[in-house]
PDB file of N, CA and C in Angstrom:
ATOM      1  N   MET A   1      51.606 -13.369 104.747  1.00  0.00           N
ATOM      2  CA  MET A   1      52.650 -13.234 105.223  1.00  0.00           C
ATOM      3  C   MET A   1      52.376 -11.637 105.751  1.00  0.00           C
ATOM      4  N   LYS A   2      51.782 -10.938 105.050  1.00  0.00           N
ATOM      5  CA  LYS A   2      51.551  -9.541 105.266  1.00  0.00           C
ATOM      6  C   LYS A   2      50.447  -9.175 106.692  1.00  0.00           C
ATOM      7  N   ILE A   3      49.387 -10.149 105.977  1.00  0.00           N
ATOM      8  CA  ILE A   3      48.404 -10.448 106.567  1.00  0.00           C
ATOM      9  C   ILE A   3      48.734 -11.117 108.239  1.00  0.00           C
ATOM     10  N   LEU A   4      49.613 -11.798 108.384  1.00  0.00           N
ATOM     11  CA  LEU A   4      50.089 -12.168 109.565  1.00  0.00           C
ATOM     12  C   LEU A   4      50.403 -11.236 110.451  1.00  0.00           C
ATOM     13  N   ARG A   5      51.719 -10.207 109.911  1.00  0.00           N
ATOM     14  CA  ARG A   5      52.154  -9.146 110.571  1.00  0.00           C
ATOM     15  C   ARG A   5      51.486  -8.070 111.293  1.00  0.00           C
ATOM     16  N   ILE A   6      50.740  -7.498 110.210  1.00  0.00           N
ATOM     17  CA  ILE A   6      49.052  -6.656 110.586  1.00  0.00           C
ATOM     18  C   ILE A   6      48.545  -7.555 111.738  1.00  0.00           C
ATOM     19  N   LEU A   7      48.217  -8.736 111.604  1.00  0.00           N
ATOM     20  CA  LEU A   7      47.341  -9.595 112.960  1.00  0.00           C
ATOM     21  C   LEU A   7      47.895  -9.581 113.784  1.00  0.00           C
ATOM     22  N   LEU A   8      49.346  -9.263 114.016  1.00  0.00           N
ATOM     23  CA  LEU A   8      50.256  -9.517 115.429  1.00  0.00           C
ATOM     24  C   LEU A   8      50.759  -7.962 115.914  1.00  0.00           C
ATOM     25  N   ILE A   9      50.827  -6.973 114.650  1.00  0.00           N
ATOM     26  CA  ILE A   9      50.979  -5.512 115.235  1.00  0.00           C
ATOM     27  C   ILE A   9      49.149  -5.284 115.972  1.00  0.00           C
ATOM     28  N   VAL A  10      48.140  -5.276 115.312  1.00  0.00           N
ATOM     29  CA  VAL A  10      47.016  -4.779 116.047  1.00  0.00           C
ATOM     30  C   VAL A  10      46.857  -4.591 117.617  1.00  0.00           C
ATOM     31  N   PRO A  11      47.245  -6.094 117.811  1.00  0.00           N
ATOM     32  CA  PRO A  11      47.093  -6.316 119.332  1.00  0.00           C
ATOM     33  C   PRO A  11      48.038  -5.316 120.190  1.00  0.00           C
ATOM     34  N   GLU A  12      49.250  -5.585 119.358  1.00  0.00           N
ATOM     35  CA  GLU A  12      50.407  -4.928 120.657  1.00  0.00           C
ATOM     36  C   GLU A  12      49.976  -3.219 120.397  1.00  0.00           C
ATOM     37  N   LEU A  13      49.550  -2.555 119.595  1.00  0.00           N
ATOM     38  CA  LEU A  13      48.725  -1.474 119.181  1.00  0.00           C
ATOM     39  C   LEU A  13      47.956  -1.084 120.443  1.00  0.00           C
ATOM     40  N   PHE A  14      46.865  -1.813 120.360  1.00  0.00           N
ATOM     41  CA  PHE A  14      45.975  -1.719 120.972  1.00  0.00           C
ATOM     42  C   PHE A  14      46.535  -1.730 122.784  1.00  0.00           C
ATOM     43  N   ILE A  15      47.538  -2.943 123.332  1.00  0.00           N
ATOM     44  CA  ILE A  15      47.561  -3.165 124.303  1.00  0.00           C
ATOM     45  C   ILE A  15      48.849  -1.447 125.033  1.00  0.00           C
ATOM     46  N   ALA A  16      49.605  -1.253 123.937  1.00  0.00           N
ATOM     47  CA  ALA A  16      50.066  -0.120 123.727  1.00  0.00           C
ATOM     48  C   ALA A  16      49.316   1.258 124.520  1.00  0.00           C
ATOM     49  N   PHE A  17      48.458   1.358 123.619  1.00  0.00           N
ATOM     50  CA  PHE A  17      47.665   2.105 123.921  1.00  0.00           C
ATOM     51  C   PHE A  17      47.113   1.975 125.333  1.00  0.00           C
ATOM     52  N   LEU A  18      46.547   1.153 125.616  1.00  0.00           N
ATOM     53  CA  LEU A  18      45.952   1.099 126.970  1.00  0.00           C
ATOM     54  C   LEU A  18      46.479   1.086 127.677  1.00  0.00           C
ATOM     55  N   ILE A  19      47.676   1.127 128.087  1.00  0.00           N
ATOM     56  CA  ILE A  19      48.875   1.060 128.827  1.00  0.00           C
ATOM     57  C   ILE A  19      48.863   2.717 129.280  1.00  0.00           C
ATOM     58  N   SER A  20      48.958   3.250 127.715  1.00  0.00           N
ATOM     59  CA  SER A  20      49.683   4.544 127.787  1.00  0.00           C
ATOM     60  C   SER A  20      48.482   5.469 128.244  1.00  0.00           C
ATOM     61  N   TYR A  21      47.250   4.980 127.876  1.00  0.00           N
ATOM     62  CA  TYR A  21      45.812   5.555 128.876  1.00  0.00           C
ATOM     63  C   TYR A  21      45.688   5.531 130.268  1.00  0.00           C
ATOM     64  N   LEU A  22      46.161   4.299 130.588  1.00  0.00           N
ATOM     65  CA  LEU A  22      45.913   3.980 132.024  1.00  0.00           C
ATOM     66  C   LEU A  22      47.201   4.954 132.879  1.00  0.00           C
ATOM     67  N   LEU A  23      48.237   5.100 132.559  1.00  0.00           N
ATOM     68  CA  LEU A  23      49.222   5.847 133.028  1.00  0.00           C
ATOM     69  C   LEU A  23      48.626   7.167 132.930  1.00  0.00           C
ATOM     70  N   CYS A  24      48.454   7.929 131.922  1.00  0.00           N
ATOM     71  CA  CYS A  24      48.277   9.173 131.568  1.00  0.00           C
ATOM     72  C   CYS A  24      46.662   9.323 133.063  1.00  0.00           C
ATOM     73  N   SER A  25      45.972   8.507 132.708  1.00  0.00           N
ATOM     74  CA  SER A  25      44.864   8.720 133.584  1.00  0.00           C
ATOM     75  C   SER A  25      44.821   9.202 135.175  1.00  0.00           C
ATOM     76  N   TYR A  26      46.076   8.202 135.550  1.00  0.00           N
ATOM     77  CA  TYR A  26      46.426   8.312 136.909  1.00  0.00           C
ATOM     78  C   TYR A  26      47.688   9.064 136.977  1.00  0.00           C
ATOM     79  N   TRP A  27      48.667   9.796 136.635  1.00  0.00           N
ATOM     80  CA  TRP A  27      49.047  10.395 136.346  1.00  0.00           C
ATOM     81  C   TRP A  27      49.003  11.965 136.113  1.00  0.00           C
ATOM     82  N   LEU A  28      48.377  12.322 135.179  1.00  0.00           N
ATOM     83  CA  LEU A  28      47.884  13.410 134.761  1.00  0.00           C
ATOM     84  C   LEU A  28      47.314  14.048 136.094  1.00  0.00           C
ATOM     85  N   PRO A  29      46.238  13.790 136.704  1.00  0.00           N
ATOM     86  CA  PRO A  29      45.627  14.326 137.423  1.00  0.00           C
ATOM     87  C   PRO A  29      46.079  14.633 138.983  1.00  0.00           C
ATOM     88  N   ARG A  30      47.283  14.234 138.994  1.00  0.00           N
ATOM     89  CA  ARG A  30      47.999  14.497 139.976  1.00  0.00           C
ATOM     90  C   ARG A  30      49.284  15.353 139.808  1.00  0.00           C
ATOM     91  N   TYR A  31      49.721  15.563 138.463  1.00  0.00           N
ATOM     92  CA  TYR A  31      50.547  16.609 138.249  1.00  0.00           C
ATOM     93  C   TYR A  31      49.769  18.325 138.521  1.00  0.00           C
ATOM     94  N   ILE A  32      50.768  18.959 139.519  1.00  0.00           N
ATOM     95  CA  ILE A  32      50.343  20.422 139.918  1.00  0.00           C
ATOM     96  C   ILE A  32      51.348  21.218 139.166  1.00  0.00           C
ATOM     97  N   ILE A  33      50.946  21.957 138.278  1.00  0.00           N
ATOM     98  CA  ILE A  33      52.092  22.979 138.229  1.00  0.00           C
ATOM     99  C   ILE A  33      51.708  24.622 138.800  1.00  0.00           C
ATOM    100  N   GLY A  34      52.893  24.651 138.903  1.00  0.00           N
ATOM    101  CA  GLY A  34      53.254  25.806 140.182  1.00  0.00           C
ATOM    102  C   GLY A  34      52.783  25.668 141.326  1.00  0.00           C
ATOM    103  N   SER A  35      52.035  26.565 142.308  1.00  0.00           N
ATOM    104  CA  SER A  35      51.953  26.515 143.452  1.00  0.00           C
ATOM    105  C   SER A  35      50.433  25.882 143.864  1.00  0.00           C
ATOM    106  N   PRO A  36      50.451  25.308 144.920  1.00  0.00           N
ATOM    107  CA  PRO A  36      48.644  24.908 144.835  1.00  0.00           C
ATOM    108  C   PRO A  36      47.965  25.996 145.570  1.00  0.00           C
ATOM    109  N   VAL A  37      46.464  26.234 144.919  1.00  0.00           N
ATOM    110  CA  VAL A  37      45.978  27.039 145.668  1.00  0.00           C
ATOM    111  C   VAL A  37      45.282  26.982 147.058  1.00  0.00           C
ATOM    112  N   LYS A  38      45.870  27.901 147.789  1.00  0.00           N
ATOM    113  CA  LYS A  38      45.694  27.855 149.411  1.00  0.00           C
ATOM    114  C   LYS A  38      43.909  28.024 149.766  1.00  0.00           C
ATOM    115  N   GLU A  39      43.163  28.826 148.911  1.00  0.00           N
ATOM    116  CA  GLU A  39      42.094  29.047 149.421  1.00  0.00           C
ATOM    117  C   GLU A  39      41.067  29.171 147.975  1.00  0.00           C
ATOM    118  N   GLN A  40      39.715  28.260 147.939  1.00  0.00           N
ATOM    119  CA  GLN A  40      39.489  28.293 146.250  1.00  0.00           C
ATOM    120  C   GLN A  40      38.032  28.521 146.829  1.00  0.00           C
ATOM    121  N   LYS A  41      37.604  29.591 145.873  1.00  0.00           N
ATOM    122  CA  LYS A  41      36.609  29.898 146.050  1.00  0.00           C
ATOM    123  C   LYS A  41      35.518  29.186 145.430  1.00  0.00           C
ATOM    124  N   GLN A  42      34.132  29.053 145.392  1.00  0.00           N
ATOM    125  CA  GLN A  42      33.653  28.144 145.033  1.00  0.00           C
ATOM    126  C   GLN A  42      32.063  28.720 144.401  1.00  0.00           C
ATOM    127  N   VAL A  43      31.429  29.152 143.495  1.00  0.00           N
ATOM    128  CA  VAL A  43      30.407  29.508 142.777  1.00  0.00           C
ATOM    129  C   VAL A  43      29.594  28.431 142.440  1.00  0.00           C
ATOM    130  N   GLU A  44      28.132  28.907 143.323  1.00  0.00           N
ATOM    131  CA  GLU A  44      26.959  27.748 143.281  1.00  0.00           C
ATOM    132  C   GLU A  44      26.895  27.832 141.645  1.00  0.00           C
ATOM    133  N   LEU A  45      26.327  26.517 140.806  1.00  0.00           N
ATOM    134  CA  LEU A  45      25.956  27.170 139.734  1.00  0.00           C
ATOM    135  C   LEU A  45      24.890  25.942 139.470  1.00  0.00           C
ATOM    136  N   PHE A  46      24.051  26.174 138.653  1.00  0.00           N
ATOM    137  CA  PHE A  46      22.886  24.996 138.400  1.00  0.00           C
ATOM    138  C   PHE A  46      22.591  24.704 136.765  1.00  0.00           C
ATOM    139  N   ILE A  47      22.356  23.509 136.516  1.00  0.00           N
ATOM    140  CA  ILE A  47      22.615  23.295 134.724  1.00  0.00           C
ATOM    141  C   ILE A  47      20.856  22.907 134.293  1.00  0.00           C
ATOM    142  N   GLU A  48      20.338  23.541 133.805  1.00  0.00           N
ATOM    143  CA  GLU A  48      18.673  23.206 133.294  1.00  0.00           C
ATOM    144  C   GLU A  48      18.849  22.579 132.010  1.00  0.00           C
ATOM    145  N   SER A  49      18.190  21.253 131.966  1.00  0.00           N
ATOM    146  CA  SER A  49      17.767  20.928 130.726  1.00  0.00           C
ATOM    147  C   SER A  49      16.808  20.210 130.619  1.00  0.00           C
ATOM    148  N   ASN A  50      16.462  20.351 129.526  1.00  0.00           N
ATOM    149  CA  ASN A  50      14.965  19.438 128.963  1.00  0.00           C
ATOM    150  C   ASN A  50      15.299  18.286 127.931  1.00  0.00           C
ATOM    151  N   GLY A  51      16.872  18.062 127.495  1.00  0.00           N
ATOM    152  CA  GLY A  51      16.929  16.947 126.373  1.00  0.00           C
ATOM    153  C   GLY A  51      17.850  17.525 125.615  1.00  0.00           C
ATOM    154  N   VAL A  52      17.168  18.680 124.998  1.00  0.00           N
ATOM    155  CA  VAL A  52      17.605  19.372 123.461  1.00  0.00           C
ATOM    156  C   VAL A  52      18.299  20.662 124.216  1.00  0.00           C
ATOM    157  N   HIS A  53      17.855  21.520 124.900  1.00  0.00           N
ATOM    158  CA  HIS A  53      18.651  22.694 125.516  1.00  0.00           C
ATOM    159  C   HIS A  53      19.241  22.428 127.010  1.00  0.00           C
ATOM    160  N   THR A  54      20.134  22.989 126.650  1.00  0.00           N
ATOM    161  CA  THR A  54      20.795  23.621 128.553  1.00  0.00           C
ATOM    162  C   THR A  54      21.321  24.970 128.519  1.00  0.00           C
ATOM    163  N   ASP A  55      20.850  25.311 129.885  1.00  0.00           N
ATOM    164  CA  ASP A  55      21.108  26.430 130.342  1.00  0.00           C
ATOM    165  C   ASP A  55      21.937  26.445 131.540  1.00  0.00           C
ATOM    166  N   PHE A  56      22.739  27.582 132.125  1.00  0.00           N
ATOM    167  CA  PHE A  56      23.497  27.739 133.232  1.00  0.00           C
ATOM    168  C   PHE A  56      22.136  28.554 134.007  1.00  0.00           C
ATOM    169  N   VAL A  57      22.083  28.188 135.425  1.00  0.00           N
ATOM    170  CA  VAL A  57      21.536  29.199 136.020  1.00  0.00           C
ATOM    171  C   VAL A  57      22.212  29.295 137.591  1.00  0.00           C
ATOM    172  N   MET A  58      22.556  30.409 137.952  1.00  0.00           N
ATOM    173  CA  MET A  58      23.423  30.970 138.682  1.00  0.00           C
ATOM    174  C   MET A  58      22.927  32.339 140.039  1.00  0.00           C
ATOM    175  N   PRO A  59      23.145  32.340 140.790  1.00  0.00           N
ATOM    176  CA  PRO A  59      23.310  33.249 141.847  1.00  0.00           C
ATOM    177  C   PRO A  59      23.411  34.819 141.061  1.00  0.00           C
ATOM    178  N   ALA A  60      22.461  35.988 141.088  1.00  0.00           N
ATOM    179  CA  ALA A  60      22.906  37.007 140.399  1.00  0.00           C
ATOM    180  C   ALA A  60      23.918  37.487 141.027  1.00  0.00           C
ATOM    181  N   ARG A  61      24.115  37.754 142.358  1.00  0.00           N
ATOM    182  CA  ARG A  61      24.714  38.173 143.260  1.00  0.00           C
ATOM    183  C   ARG A  61      25.229  37.383 144.194  1.00  0.00           C
ATOM    184  N   SER A  62      26.834  36.963 144.630  1.00  0.00           N
ATOM    185  CA  SER A  62      27.031  36.279 145.592  1.00  0.00           C
ATOM    186  C   SER A  62      28.264  36.794 146.680  1.00  0.00           C
ATOM    187  N   GLU A  63      28.510  36.084 148.025  1.00  0.00           N
ATOM    188  CA  GLU A  63      30.201  36.904 148.189  1.00  0.00           C
ATOM    189  C   GLU A  63      31.106  37.180 146.896  1.00  0.00           C
ATOM    190  N   GLU A  64      31.228  35.539 146.351  1.00  0.00           N
ATOM    191  CA  GLU A  64      32.343  35.508 145.474  1.00  0.00           C
ATOM    192  C   GLU A  64      32.403  36.680 143.933  1.00  0.00           C
ATOM    193  N   ILE A  65      31.182  36.587 143.762  1.00  0.00           N
ATOM    194  CA  ILE A  65      31.015  37.204 141.964  1.00  0.00           C
ATOM    195  C   ILE A  65      29.638  37.838 142.257  1.00  0.00           C
ATOM    196  N   ASN A  66      29.511  38.957 141.471  1.00  0.00           N
ATOM    197  CA  ASN A  66      28.510  39.695 141.304  1.00  0.00           C
ATOM    198  C   ASN A  66      28.519  39.277 139.368  1.00  0.00           C
ATOM    199  N   TRP A  67      27.119  38.789 138.906  1.00  0.00           N
ATOM    200  CA  TRP A  67      27.503  38.129 137.621  1.00  0.00           C
ATOM    201  C   TRP A  67      26.771  38.911 136.389  1.00  0.00           C
ATOM    202  N   PHE A  68      26.222  40.595 137.251  1.00  0.00           N
ATOM    203  CA  PHE A  68      25.651  41.696 136.531  1.00  0.00           C
ATOM    204  C   PHE A  68      27.172  42.353 136.008  1.00  0.00           C
ATOM    205  N   ASP A  69      28.298  41.857 136.755  1.00  0.00           N
ATOM    206  CA  ASP A  69      29.257  42.389 136.175  1.00  0.00           C
ATOM    207  C   ASP A  69      29.597  41.770 134.488  1.00  0.00           C
ATOM    208  N   CYS A  70      29.696  40.446 134.779  1.00  0.00           N
ATOM    209  CA  CYS A  70      29.496  39.645 133.465  1.00  0.00           C
ATOM    210  C   CYS A  70      28.717  39.904 132.214  1.00  0.00           C
ATOM    211  N   PHE A  71      27.237  40.200 132.824  1.00  0.00           N
ATOM    212  CA  PHE A  71      26.220  40.031 132.214  1.00  0.00           C
ATOM    213  C   PHE A  71      25.207  41.511 132.601  1.00  0.00           C
ATOM    214  N   PRO A  72      25.332  42.578 131.639  1.00  0.00           N
ATOM    215  CA  PRO A  72      25.142  43.751 132.269  1.00  0.00           C
ATOM    216  C   PRO A  72      23.478  43.986 132.121  1.00  0.00           C
ATOM    217  N   SER A  73      22.691  44.484 133.107  1.00  0.00           N
ATOM    218  CA  SER A  73      21.256  44.812 133.279  1.00  0.00           C
ATOM    219  C   SER A  73      21.137  44.915 132.035  1.00  0.00           C
ATOM    220  N   THR A  74      21.826  46.258 131.131  1.00  0.00           N
ATOM    221  CA  THR A  74      21.222  46.865 129.952  1.00  0.00           C
ATOM    222  C   THR A  74      21.240  45.612 129.143  1.00  0.00           C
ATOM    223  N   ASP A  75      21.721  44.293 129.151  1.00  0.00           N
ATOM    224  CA  ASP A  75      21.698  43.336 127.891  1.00  0.00           C
ATOM    225  C   ASP A  75      20.047  42.567 128.133  1.00  0.00           C
ATOM    226  N   PHE A  76      19.615  42.959 129.173  1.00  0.00           N
ATOM    227  CA  PHE A  76      18.192  42.036 129.496  1.00  0.00           C
ATOM    228  C   PHE A  76      17.098  43.004 129.194  1.00  0.00           C
ATOM    229  N   VAL A  77      16.111  42.706 128.969  1.00  0.00           N
ATOM    230  CA  VAL A  77      14.693  43.516 128.648  1.00  0.00           C
ATOM    231  C   VAL A  77      14.163  44.307 129.754  1.00  0.00           C
ATOM    232  N   HIS A  78      13.714  43.227 130.883  1.00  0.00           N
ATOM    233  CA  HIS A  78      13.070  43.977 131.687  1.00  0.00           C
ATOM    234  C   HIS A  78      13.960  43.165 132.940  1.00  0.00           C
ATOM    235  N   VAL A  79      14.575  44.178 133.972  1.00  0.00           N
ATOM    236  CA  VAL A  79      15.505  44.082 135.019  1.00  0.00           C
ATOM    237  C   VAL A  79      15.356  44.575 136.091  1.00  0.00           C
ATOM    238  N   ASP A  80      14.922  44.269 137.344  1.00  0.00           N
ATOM    239  CA  ASP A  80      14.654  44.481 138.642  1.00  0.00           C
ATOM    240  C   ASP A  80      15.655  44.548 139.060  1.00  0.00           C
ATOM    241  N   PRO A  81      16.299  45.707 139.584  1.00  0.00           N
ATOM    242  CA  PRO A  81      17.745  45.454 140.624  1.00  0.00           C
ATOM    243  C   PRO A  81      17.680  43.860 141.827  1.00  0.00           C
ATOM    244  N   GLY A  82      16.080  43.884 142.206  1.00  0.00           N
ATOM    245  CA  GLY A  82      16.013  42.528 142.927  1.00  0.00           C
ATOM    246  C   GLY A  82      16.237  41.412 142.673  1.00  0.00           C
ATOM    247  N   TYR A  83      16.347  41.264 141.100  1.00  0.00           N
ATOM    248  CA  TYR A  83      16.376  39.880 140.668  1.00  0.00           C
ATOM    249  C   TYR A  83      17.686  38.963 141.002  1.00  0.00           C
ATOM    250  N   SER A  84      17.228  37.652 141.593  1.00  0.00           N
ATOM    251  CA  SER A  84      18.482  37.188 142.026  1.00  0.00           C
ATOM    252  C   SER A  84      18.913  35.807 141.541  1.00  0.00           C
ATOM    253  N   TYR A  85      18.639  35.534 140.318  1.00  0.00           N
ATOM    254  CA  TYR A  85      18.941  34.597 140.045  1.00  0.00           C
ATOM    255  C   TYR A  85      19.171  35.184 138.302  1.00  0.00           C
ATOM    256  N   ILE A  86      20.132  34.579 137.584  1.00  0.00           N
ATOM    257  CA  ILE A  86      20.236  34.478 135.581  1.00  0.00           C
ATOM    258  C   ILE A  86      20.544  33.078 135.417  1.00  0.00           C
ATOM    259  N   LYS A  87      19.867  33.153 133.875  1.00  0.00           N
ATOM    260  CA  LYS A  87      19.832  31.823 133.169  1.00  0.00           C
ATOM    261  C   LYS A  87      20.453  32.390 132.020  1.00  0.00           C
ATOM    262  N   ALA A  88      21.924  31.645 131.194  1.00  0.00           N
ATOM    263  CA  ALA A  88      22.436  31.786 130.471  1.00  0.00           C
ATOM    264  C   ALA A  88      22.590  30.636 129.706  1.00  0.00           C
ATOM    265  N   GLY A  89      22.306  30.731 128.586  1.00  0.00           N
ATOM    266  CA  GLY A  89      22.549  29.725 127.329  1.00  0.00           C
ATOM    267  C   GLY A  89      23.099  30.281 125.860  1.00  0.00           C
ATOM    268  N   TRP A  90      23.519  29.368 125.045  1.00  0.00           N
ATOM    269  CA  TRP A  90      24.275  29.837 124.101  1.00  0.00           C
ATOM    270  C   TRP A  90      23.341  28.870 122.960  1.00  0.00           C
ATOM    271  N   GLY A  91      22.555  29.589 122.099  1.00  0.00           N
ATOM    272  CA  GLY A  91      22.009  29.005 120.943  1.00  0.00           C
ATOM    273  C   GLY A  91      21.093  30.034 120.448  1.00  0.00           C
ATOM    274  N   ASP A  92      20.686  29.325 119.134  1.00  0.00           N
ATOM    275  CA  ASP A  92      20.115  30.226 118.319  1.00  0.00           C
ATOM    276  C   ASP A  92      18.463  30.127 118.318  1.00  0.00           C
ATOM    277  N   LYS A  93      18.032  31.364 118.293  1.00  0.00           N
ATOM    278  CA  LYS A  93      16.380  31.762 118.759  1.00  0.00           C
ATOM    279  C   LYS A  93      15.549  30.518 117.806  1.00  0.00           C
ATOM    280  N   GLY A  94      15.521  30.386 116.529  1.00  0.00           N
ATOM    281  CA  GLY A  94      14.679  29.296 115.760  1.00  0.00           C
ATOM    282  C   GLY A  94      14.994  27.894 116.560  1.00  0.00           C
ATOM    283  N   PHE A  95      16.311  27.408 116.924  1.00  0.00           N
ATOM    284  CA  PHE A  95      16.368  26.521 117.388  1.00  0.00           C
ATOM    285  C   PHE A  95      15.963  26.104 118.518  1.00  0.00           C
ATOM    286  N   PHE A  96      15.953  27.181 119.637  1.00  0.00           N
ATOM    287  CA  PHE A  96      15.067  27.263 120.863  1.00  0.00           C
ATOM    288  C   PHE A  96      13.780  26.576 120.631  1.00  0.00           C
ATOM    289  N   LEU A  97      13.074  27.969 119.672  1.00  0.00           N
ATOM    290  CA  LEU A  97      11.785  27.875 119.335  1.00  0.00           C
ATOM    291  C   LEU A  97      11.094  26.544 118.676  1.00  0.00           C
ATOM    292  N   ASP A  98      12.091  26.409 117.736  1.00  0.00           N
ATOM    293  CA  ASP A  98      11.134  24.883 116.640  1.00  0.00           C
ATOM    294  C   ASP A  98      11.719  23.729 117.023  1.00  0.00           C
ATOM    295  N   THR A  99      12.845  23.576 118.060  1.00  0.00           N
ATOM    296  CA  THR A  99      13.358  22.108 118.463  1.00  0.00           C
ATOM    297  C   THR A  99      12.671  21.907 119.884  1.00  0.00           C
ATOM    298  N   LYS A 100      11.698  21.510 119.830  1.00  0.00           N
ATOM    299  CA  LYS A 100      11.156  20.726 121.000  1.00  0.00           C
ATOM    300  C   LYS A 100      11.863  19.491 121.541  1.00  0.00           C
ATOM    301  N   THR A 101      11.981  18.838 120.393  1.00  0.00           N
ATOM    302  CA  THR A 101      12.652  17.203 120.285  1.00  0.00           C
ATOM    303  C   THR A 101      13.520  17.039 119.461  1.00  0.00           C
ATOM    304  N   TRP A 102      14.375  15.975 119.766  1.00  0.00           N
ATOM    305  CA  TRP A 102      15.639  15.776 118.722  1.00  0.00           C
ATOM    306  C   TRP A 102      14.795  15.436 117.630  1.00  0.00           C
ATOM    307  N   ALA A 103      13.475  14.781 117.337  1.00  0.00           N
ATOM    308  CA  ALA A 103      12.953  14.676 115.968  1.00  0.00           C
ATOM    309  C   ALA A 103      12.465  15.798 115.337  1.00  0.00           C
ATOM    310  N   ASP A 104      12.185  17.097 115.928  1.00  0.00           N
ATOM    311  CA  ASP A 104      12.059  18.305 115.336  1.00  0.00           C
ATOM    312  C   ASP A 104      13.336  18.741 114.560  1.00  0.00           C
ATOM    313  N   LEU A 105      14.224  18.493 114.714  1.00  0.00           N
ATOM    314  CA  LEU A 105      15.820  19.002 114.648  1.00  0.00           C
ATOM    315  C   LEU A 105      16.092  18.994 112.717  1.00  0.00           C
ATOM    316  N   LYS A 106      16.075  20.254 112.449  1.00  0.00           N
ATOM    317  CA  LYS A 106      16.445  20.137 110.719  1.00  0.00           C
ATOM    318  C   LYS A 106      17.713  20.634 110.200  1.00  0.00           C
ATOM    319  N   LEU A 107      18.142  20.405 109.313  1.00  0.00           N
ATOM    320  CA  LEU A 107      19.664  20.520 108.820  1.00  0.00           C
ATOM    321  C   LEU A 107      19.921  21.666 109.166  1.00  0.00           C
ATOM    322  N   SER A 108      18.980  22.635 108.493  1.00  0.00           N
ATOM    323  CA  SER A 108      19.050  24.315 108.351  1.00  0.00           C
ATOM    324  C   SER A 108      19.102  25.314 109.711  1.00  0.00           C
ATOM    325  N   ILE A 109      18.275  24.357 110.664  1.00  0.00           N
ATOM    326  CA  ILE A 109      18.344  24.963 111.867  1.00  0.00           C
ATOM    327  C   ILE A 109      19.677  24.610 112.736  1.00  0.00           C
ATOM    328  N   ALA A 110      19.924  23.590 112.332  1.00  0.00           N
ATOM    329  CA  ALA A 110      21.365  23.265 113.148  1.00  0.00           C
ATOM    330  C   ALA A 110      22.648  23.905 112.624  1.00  0.00           C
ATOM    331  N   PHE A 111      22.721  23.901 111.199  1.00  0.00           N
ATOM    332  CA  PHE A 111      23.290  24.986 110.705  1.00  0.00           C
ATOM    333  C   PHE A 111      23.221  26.331 111.649  1.00  0.00           C
ATOM    334  N   LYS A 112      22.355  26.852 111.382  1.00  0.00           N
ATOM    335  CA  LYS A 112      22.091  28.084 112.147  1.00  0.00           C
ATOM    336  C   LYS A 112      22.439  28.683 113.713  1.00  0.00           C
ATOM    337  N   ALA A 113      21.914  27.091 113.864  1.00  0.00           N
ATOM    338  CA  ALA A 113      22.565  27.210 115.581  1.00  0.00           C
ATOM    339  C   ALA A 113      23.966  27.510 115.895  1.00  0.00           C
ATOM    340  N   VAL A 114      24.857  26.354 115.430  1.00  0.00           N
ATOM    341  CA  VAL A 114      26.227  26.092 114.882  1.00  0.00           C
ATOM    342  C   VAL A 114      26.928  27.409 114.822  1.00  0.00           C
ATOM    343  N   PHE A 115      26.491  27.855 113.634  1.00  0.00           N
ATOM    344  CA  PHE A 115      27.488  28.956 112.758  1.00  0.00           C
ATOM    345  C   PHE A 115      27.118  30.443 113.317  1.00  0.00           C
ATOM    346  N   GLY A 116      25.607  30.856 113.736  1.00  0.00           N
ATOM    347  CA  GLY A 116      24.561  32.098 114.153  1.00  0.00           C
ATOM    348  C   GLY A 116      24.452  31.961 115.769  1.00  0.00           C
ATOM    349  N   ALA A 117      25.108  31.336 116.350  1.00  0.00           N
ATOM    350  CA  ALA A 117      24.432  31.197 117.984  1.00  0.00           C
ATOM    351  C   ALA A 117      24.900  32.686 118.048  1.00  0.00           C
ATOM    352  N   LYS A 118      24.260  32.578 119.531  1.00  0.00           N
ATOM    353  CA  LYS A 118      24.245  34.287 120.390  1.00  0.00           C
ATOM    354  C   LYS A 118      23.986  33.867 121.596  1.00  0.00           C
ATOM    355  N   LEU A 119      24.539  34.695 122.532  1.00  0.00           N
ATOM    356  CA  LEU A 119      24.262  34.205 124.402  1.00  0.00           C
ATOM    357  C   LEU A 119      22.753  34.943 124.490  1.00  0.00           C
ATOM    358  N   ARG A 120      22.127  33.870 124.833  1.00  0.00           N
ATOM    359  CA  ARG A 120      20.456  33.882 125.612  1.00  0.00           C
ATOM    360  C   ARG A 120      20.826  34.292 127.187  1.00  0.00           C
ATOM    361  N   CYS A 121      20.333  35.326 127.726  1.00  0.00           N
ATOM    362  CA  CYS A 121      20.431  35.485 128.922  1.00  0.00           C
ATOM    363  C   CYS A 121      18.571  35.854 129.798  1.00  0.00           C
ATOM    364  N   TYR A 122      18.769  35.614 130.876  1.00  0.00           N
ATOM    365  CA  TYR A 122      17.500  35.917 131.250  1.00  0.00           C
ATOM    366  C   TYR A 122      17.317  35.755 132.895  1.00  0.00           C
ATOM    367  N   ALA A 123      16.842  37.162 133.444  1.00  0.00           N
ATOM    368  CA  ALA A 123      16.696  37.080 134.851  1.00  0.00           C
ATOM    369  C   ALA A 123      15.889  37.189 135.686  1.00  0.00           C
ATOM    370  N   TYR A 124      15.453  36.455 136.488  1.00  0.00           N
ATOM    371  CA  TYR A 124      14.406  35.762 137.666  1.00  0.00           C
ATOM    372  C   TYR A 124      14.619  36.098 138.735  1.00  0.00           C
ATOM    373  N   CYS A 125      13.051  36.757 139.755  1.00  0.00           N
ATOM    374  CA  CYS A 125      13.208  36.939 140.952  1.00  0.00           C
ATOM    375  C   CYS A 125      13.732  35.737 141.917  1.00  0.00           C
ATOM    376  N   LEU A 126      12.661  34.541 141.464  1.00  0.00           N
ATOM    377  CA  LEU A 126      12.929  33.169 142.146  1.00  0.00           C
ATOM    378  C   LEU A 126      13.633  32.476 141.388  1.00  0.00           C
ATOM    379  N   PHE A 127      13.889  31.469 142.012  1.00  0.00           N
ATOM    380  CA  PHE A 127      14.789  30.084 141.095  1.00  0.00           C
ATOM    381  C   PHE A 127      13.859  29.421 139.863  1.00  0.00           C
ATOM    382  N   PRO A 128      13.936  29.389 138.819  1.00  0.00           N
ATOM    383  CA  PRO A 128      13.560  28.659 137.809  1.00  0.00           C
ATOM    384  C   PRO A 128      13.245  27.464 138.033  1.00  0.00           C
ATOM    385  N   LEU A 129      12.292  26.861 137.974  1.00  0.00           N
ATOM    386  CA  LEU A 129      11.913  25.313 137.692  1.00  0.00           C
ATOM    387  C   LEU A 129      11.378  24.657 136.843  1.00  0.00           C
TER     388      LEU A 129
END
């Protein structure tokens, strides 16, 4: 008898979850908190990935933001004021250098990458391809 009750409850819970999910996915994106923003500024941002490592690449200076305010030029080893792009990523140096593919990943490297990660920043004169 208990198995029959469980078999009846599981589909009901699944249907309730599905209906809740559909209602939330429809309603929540349409819900606006406060007044809507009249003019939105857009910042150009690129994502670079080799399948294992991901970095953000953005113009160093634009009308909306000067990224050198967030990433001071003193944080870079070699910076020329004419640099036009900044590439930033989060991770461990060992993970970046020793993990070319997922097959190269070791538990010790992954642990250091998660708990000892630092911000990496590079500056480029041209867009890095």
